[in-house]
Amino acid sequence: MFYFFSSINEYIIIADRKTAESVALSVEIGSIFSDAPKDIAEKLLKFARLCGIVYQIQDDLLDITEAKGRRVGSEIVQGAPNIVTSYGFLNVNSQQVNILNRVYGNHSASEDDVRKAIAVLEETGAVQLAVTLGERLTKEAQEILKKLEIDKEFFEVLLKMGLKRKV
């Protein structure tokens, strides 16, 4: 039995705890050392958390689209829950679920079966959902940044790194 996220909100909570807290901590420390006003520090913290979640979404997408230095689909064969596999499993038909079940958590799954499982995830809309969620959260982060009267270059780079990274 494997674990799946039951909703996008649950995924965001876990991604926030898993990845976004680290990004936010770095920004929070920077805010403290720079004596940033409280309102700016709070907005930067929200921005950083969004960057961390976007980074995690992109990591999940890279697992099924590029190798990241590992086997494409490595998280699928490991049975690791992420936004793509969770949404995919929640939206499959009986034929598609059989394909996913053959691969999910099966370290010896063939490359052909992994490709078929990835195709199922694309067919269910799981890949597009993750892309759309990443874009929506990126826009939220950009809106926060627009309202701040600070030098934004570092923060803009941070956001782009999360969304556009390739490894």
Foldseek 3Di string as FASTA:
>chain_A
DADEDPDVVSQLVVLLVPFLVVQLVVLLVVCVVVVPPPVLNVLVSLLSSLLSSLLQLVVVLLLQVPAPVHDRVVQQLCLNYHQLVRLLCVQADPVLVVLSVQRGVHVPDDPVSSNSNSVSSVVSCSSVVSLVVSVVSLVVSVVSLVPDPDPCPVSVVSNCCRNPPND
